[in-house]
Amino acid sequence: MSVVSLRLNESEEELFKSYAAHTGRPLSELFKRALAEQIEDELDYKTGILALAEHQKNPREVGIDDLIEELESGL
């Protein structure tokens, strides 16, 4: 396991510690969760941009029944 240090000014430290106390979670858990969510959001955004570009190259309409069937067959 590694340790990462983080520099905070006084107001950031006060805010983050107050939030941690309010939630009952340690700061380390909150920081890890926030960073993981940020990474996931960016990956989702990039995936969406790629999907939009692909759709613009080859637009097609899919009915809801066809979409459900396609998704169920992939399970």
N, C-alpha and C. Protein backbone atom coordinates (compact mmCIF):
# COMPACT_ATOMS: atom_id res chain seq x y z
N MET A 1 0.85 -1.17 0.00
CA MET A 1 0.00 0.00 0.00
C MET A 1 0.89 1.23 0.00
N SER A 2 0.51 2.24 -0.78
CA SER A 2 1.31 3.46 -0.82
C SER A 2 0.57 4.59 -0.12
N VAL A 3 1.31 5.63 0.18
CA VAL A 3 0.76 6.80 0.83
C VAL A 3 0.99 7.98 -0.10
N VAL A 4 -0.04 8.78 -0.29
CA VAL A 4 0.03 9.98 -1.11
C VAL A 4 -0.26 11.17 -0.22
N SER A 5 0.58 12.18 -0.28
CA SER A 5 0.31 13.37 0.53
C SER A 5 -0.41 14.40 -0.31
N LEU A 6 -1.18 15.22 0.35
CA LEU A 6 -2.00 16.21 -0.32
C LEU A 6 -1.91 17.50 0.47
N ARG A 7 -1.56 18.58 -0.21
CA ARG A 7 -1.46 19.87 0.47
C ARG A 7 -2.81 20.58 0.39
N LEU A 8 -3.27 21.05 1.53
CA LEU A 8 -4.53 21.77 1.61
C LEU A 8 -4.30 23.09 2.32
N ASN A 9 -5.02 24.12 1.88
CA ASN A 9 -4.97 25.34 2.68
C ASN A 9 -5.91 25.18 3.86
N GLU A 10 -5.92 26.14 4.76
CA GLU A 10 -6.69 25.98 6.00
C GLU A 10 -8.18 25.83 5.74
N SER A 11 -8.72 26.60 4.80
CA SER A 11 -10.16 26.52 4.55
C SER A 11 -10.53 25.17 3.91
N GLU A 12 -9.68 24.66 3.03
CA GLU A 12 -9.94 23.35 2.43
C GLU A 12 -9.91 22.27 3.51
N GLU A 13 -8.89 22.34 4.35
CA GLU A 13 -8.77 21.34 5.42
C GLU A 13 -9.99 21.38 6.34
N GLU A 14 -10.42 22.57 6.71
CA GLU A 14 -11.59 22.70 7.59
C GLU A 14 -12.84 22.14 6.91
N LEU A 15 -13.04 22.49 5.65
CA LEU A 15 -14.21 22.01 4.92
C LEU A 15 -14.20 20.49 4.78
N PHE A 16 -13.06 19.94 4.37
CA PHE A 16 -12.97 18.49 4.15
C PHE A 16 -13.11 17.71 5.45
N LYS A 17 -12.48 18.18 6.51
CA LYS A 17 -12.60 17.48 7.80
C LYS A 17 -14.02 17.57 8.33
N SER A 18 -14.65 18.71 8.14
CA SER A 18 -16.04 18.88 8.58
C SER A 18 -16.95 17.92 7.82
N TYR A 19 -16.74 17.81 6.51
CA TYR A 19 -17.56 16.90 5.71
C TYR A 19 -17.32 15.45 6.13
N ALA A 20 -16.07 15.11 6.37
CA ALA A 20 -15.74 13.75 6.79
C ALA A 20 -16.43 13.43 8.12
N ALA A 21 -16.39 14.36 9.04
CA ALA A 21 -17.05 14.15 10.33
C ALA A 21 -18.56 14.01 10.14
N HIS A 22 -19.11 14.82 9.26
CA HIS A 22 -20.56 14.78 9.00
C HIS A 22 -20.98 13.42 8.42
N THR A 23 -20.16 12.88 7.52
CA THR A 23 -20.52 11.61 6.88
C THR A 23 -20.08 10.40 7.69
N GLY A 24 -19.15 10.63 8.64
CA GLY A 24 -18.63 9.51 9.43
C GLY A 24 -17.64 8.65 8.65
N ARG A 25 -17.11 9.20 7.56
CA ARG A 25 -16.14 8.46 6.75
C ARG A 25 -14.77 9.13 6.86
N PRO A 26 -13.72 8.34 6.76
CA PRO A 26 -12.39 8.93 6.79
C PRO A 26 -12.09 9.72 5.52
N LEU A 27 -11.25 10.74 5.67
CA LEU A 27 -10.88 11.56 4.52
C LEU A 27 -10.30 10.72 3.40
N SER A 28 -9.48 9.73 3.73
CA SER A 28 -8.85 8.93 2.69
C SER A 28 -9.91 8.23 1.82
N GLU A 29 -10.96 7.72 2.45
CA GLU A 29 -12.03 7.07 1.69
C GLU A 29 -12.74 8.08 0.80
N LEU A 30 -13.02 9.26 1.33
CA LEU A 30 -13.71 10.29 0.56
C LEU A 30 -12.86 10.75 -0.63
N PHE A 31 -11.56 10.94 -0.41
CA PHE A 31 -10.69 11.36 -1.51
C PHE A 31 -10.60 10.28 -2.58
N LYS A 32 -10.44 9.02 -2.17
CA LYS A 32 -10.36 7.93 -3.15
C LYS A 32 -11.65 7.82 -3.95
N ARG A 33 -12.77 7.91 -3.26
CA ARG A 33 -14.06 7.79 -3.94
C ARG A 33 -14.26 8.94 -4.92
N ALA A 34 -13.91 10.16 -4.51
CA ALA A 34 -14.08 11.32 -5.39
C ALA A 34 -13.20 11.20 -6.63
N LEU A 35 -11.96 10.75 -6.46
CA LEU A 35 -11.07 10.60 -7.60
C LEU A 35 -11.55 9.48 -8.53
N ALA A 36 -12.00 8.38 -7.96
CA ALA A 36 -12.51 7.28 -8.78
C ALA A 36 -13.73 7.72 -9.57
N GLU A 37 -14.62 8.51 -8.96
CA GLU A 37 -15.80 8.99 -9.67
C GLU A 37 -15.40 9.96 -10.78
N GLN A 38 -14.41 10.79 -10.53
CA GLN A 38 -13.93 11.73 -11.56
C GLN A 38 -13.38 10.96 -12.76
N ILE A 39 -12.60 9.94 -12.49
CA ILE A 39 -12.04 9.11 -13.58
C ILE A 39 -13.16 8.44 -14.36
N GLU A 40 -14.13 7.87 -13.64
CA GLU A 40 -15.25 7.20 -14.29
C GLU A 40 -16.05 8.19 -15.15
N ASP A 41 -16.28 9.39 -14.63
CA ASP A 41 -17.01 10.40 -15.38
C ASP A 41 -16.28 10.76 -16.68
N GLU A 42 -14.97 10.93 -16.59
CA GLU A 42 -14.20 11.28 -17.78
C GLU A 42 -14.21 10.14 -18.80
N LEU A 43 -14.10 8.90 -18.34
CA LEU A 43 -14.16 7.76 -19.26
C LEU A 43 -15.54 7.66 -19.91
N ASP A 44 -16.60 7.87 -19.12
CA ASP A 44 -17.95 7.85 -19.67
C ASP A 44 -18.12 8.94 -20.73
N TYR A 45 -17.58 10.12 -20.44
CA TYR A 45 -17.68 11.23 -21.39
C TYR A 45 -16.97 10.89 -22.69
N LYS A 46 -15.75 10.37 -22.58
CA LYS A 46 -14.98 10.02 -23.78
C LYS A 46 -15.68 8.92 -24.57
N THR A 47 -16.25 7.95 -23.88
CA THR A 47 -16.99 6.88 -24.55
C THR A 47 -18.21 7.46 -25.27
N GLY A 48 -18.89 8.40 -24.63
CA GLY A 48 -20.04 9.05 -25.25
C GLY A 48 -19.66 9.84 -26.49
N ILE A 49 -18.54 10.55 -26.42
CA ILE A 49 -18.08 11.32 -27.58
C ILE A 49 -17.75 10.38 -28.74
N LEU A 50 -17.09 9.26 -28.45
CA LEU A 50 -16.77 8.29 -29.50
C LEU A 50 -18.04 7.69 -30.09
N ALA A 51 -19.02 7.38 -29.23
CA ALA A 51 -20.28 6.81 -29.71
C ALA A 51 -21.03 7.81 -30.59
N LEU A 52 -21.02 9.08 -30.18
CA LEU A 52 -21.67 10.11 -30.97
C LEU A 52 -21.01 10.26 -32.34
N ALA A 53 -19.69 10.26 -32.35
CA ALA A 53 -18.96 10.37 -33.63
C ALA A 53 -19.29 9.18 -34.53
N GLU A 54 -19.35 7.99 -33.96
CA GLU A 54 -19.69 6.79 -34.73
C GLU A 54 -21.11 6.89 -35.27
N HIS A 55 -22.02 7.37 -34.45
CA HIS A 55 -23.41 7.53 -34.87
C HIS A 55 -23.52 8.54 -36.01
N GLN A 56 -22.75 9.62 -35.90
CA GLN A 56 -22.80 10.64 -36.95
C GLN A 56 -22.26 10.11 -38.28
N LYS A 57 -21.30 9.19 -38.20
CA LYS A 57 -20.77 8.57 -39.43
C LYS A 57 -21.78 7.60 -40.03
N ASN A 58 -22.50 6.89 -39.19
CA ASN A 58 -23.42 5.86 -39.64
C ASN A 58 -24.71 5.92 -38.83
N PRO A 59 -25.52 6.96 -39.05
CA PRO A 59 -26.75 7.08 -38.25
C PRO A 59 -27.75 5.99 -38.61
N ARG A 60 -28.41 5.49 -37.60
CA ARG A 60 -29.46 4.50 -37.83
C ARG A 60 -30.49 4.64 -36.73
N GLU A 61 -31.70 4.32 -37.06
CA GLU A 61 -32.78 4.34 -36.08
C GLU A 61 -33.03 2.92 -35.63
N VAL A 62 -33.23 2.77 -34.34
CA VAL A 62 -33.49 1.46 -33.76
C VAL A 62 -34.75 1.57 -32.91
N GLY A 63 -35.70 0.70 -33.16
CA GLY A 63 -36.91 0.70 -32.35
C GLY A 63 -36.62 0.14 -30.96
N ILE A 64 -37.45 0.49 -30.01
CA ILE A 64 -37.23 0.06 -28.63
C ILE A 64 -37.25 -1.45 -28.51
N ASP A 65 -38.12 -2.13 -29.25
CA ASP A 65 -38.18 -3.59 -29.19
C ASP A 65 -36.88 -4.21 -29.70
N ASP A 66 -36.35 -3.64 -30.79
CA ASP A 66 -35.08 -4.13 -31.33
C ASP A 66 -33.94 -3.89 -30.36
N LEU A 67 -33.96 -2.74 -29.71
CA LEU A 67 -32.91 -2.41 -28.74
C LEU A 67 -32.95 -3.36 -27.55
N ILE A 68 -34.13 -3.63 -27.04
CA ILE A 68 -34.28 -4.57 -25.92
C ILE A 68 -33.79 -5.95 -26.32
N GLU A 69 -34.17 -6.40 -27.50
CA GLU A 69 -33.74 -7.71 -27.99
C GLU A 69 -32.22 -7.75 -28.12
N GLU A 70 -31.63 -6.70 -28.65
CA GLU A 70 -30.17 -6.65 -28.81
C GLU A 70 -29.47 -6.70 -27.46
N LEU A 71 -29.98 -5.95 -26.51
CA LEU A 71 -29.37 -5.93 -25.18
C LEU A 71 -29.54 -7.26 -24.45
N GLU A 72 -30.71 -7.87 -24.58
CA GLU A 72 -30.95 -9.16 -23.92
C GLU A 72 -30.10 -10.27 -24.54
N SER A 73 -29.86 -10.20 -25.82
CA SER A 73 -29.06 -11.26 -26.47
C SER A 73 -27.59 -11.15 -26.08
N GLY A 74 -27.19 -9.98 -25.62
CA GLY A 74 -25.80 -9.79 -25.20
C GLY A 74 -25.53 -10.24 -23.78
N LEU A 75 -26.57 -10.63 -23.07
CA LEU A 75 -26.39 -11.05 -21.66
C LEU A 75 -25.90 -12.44 -21.53
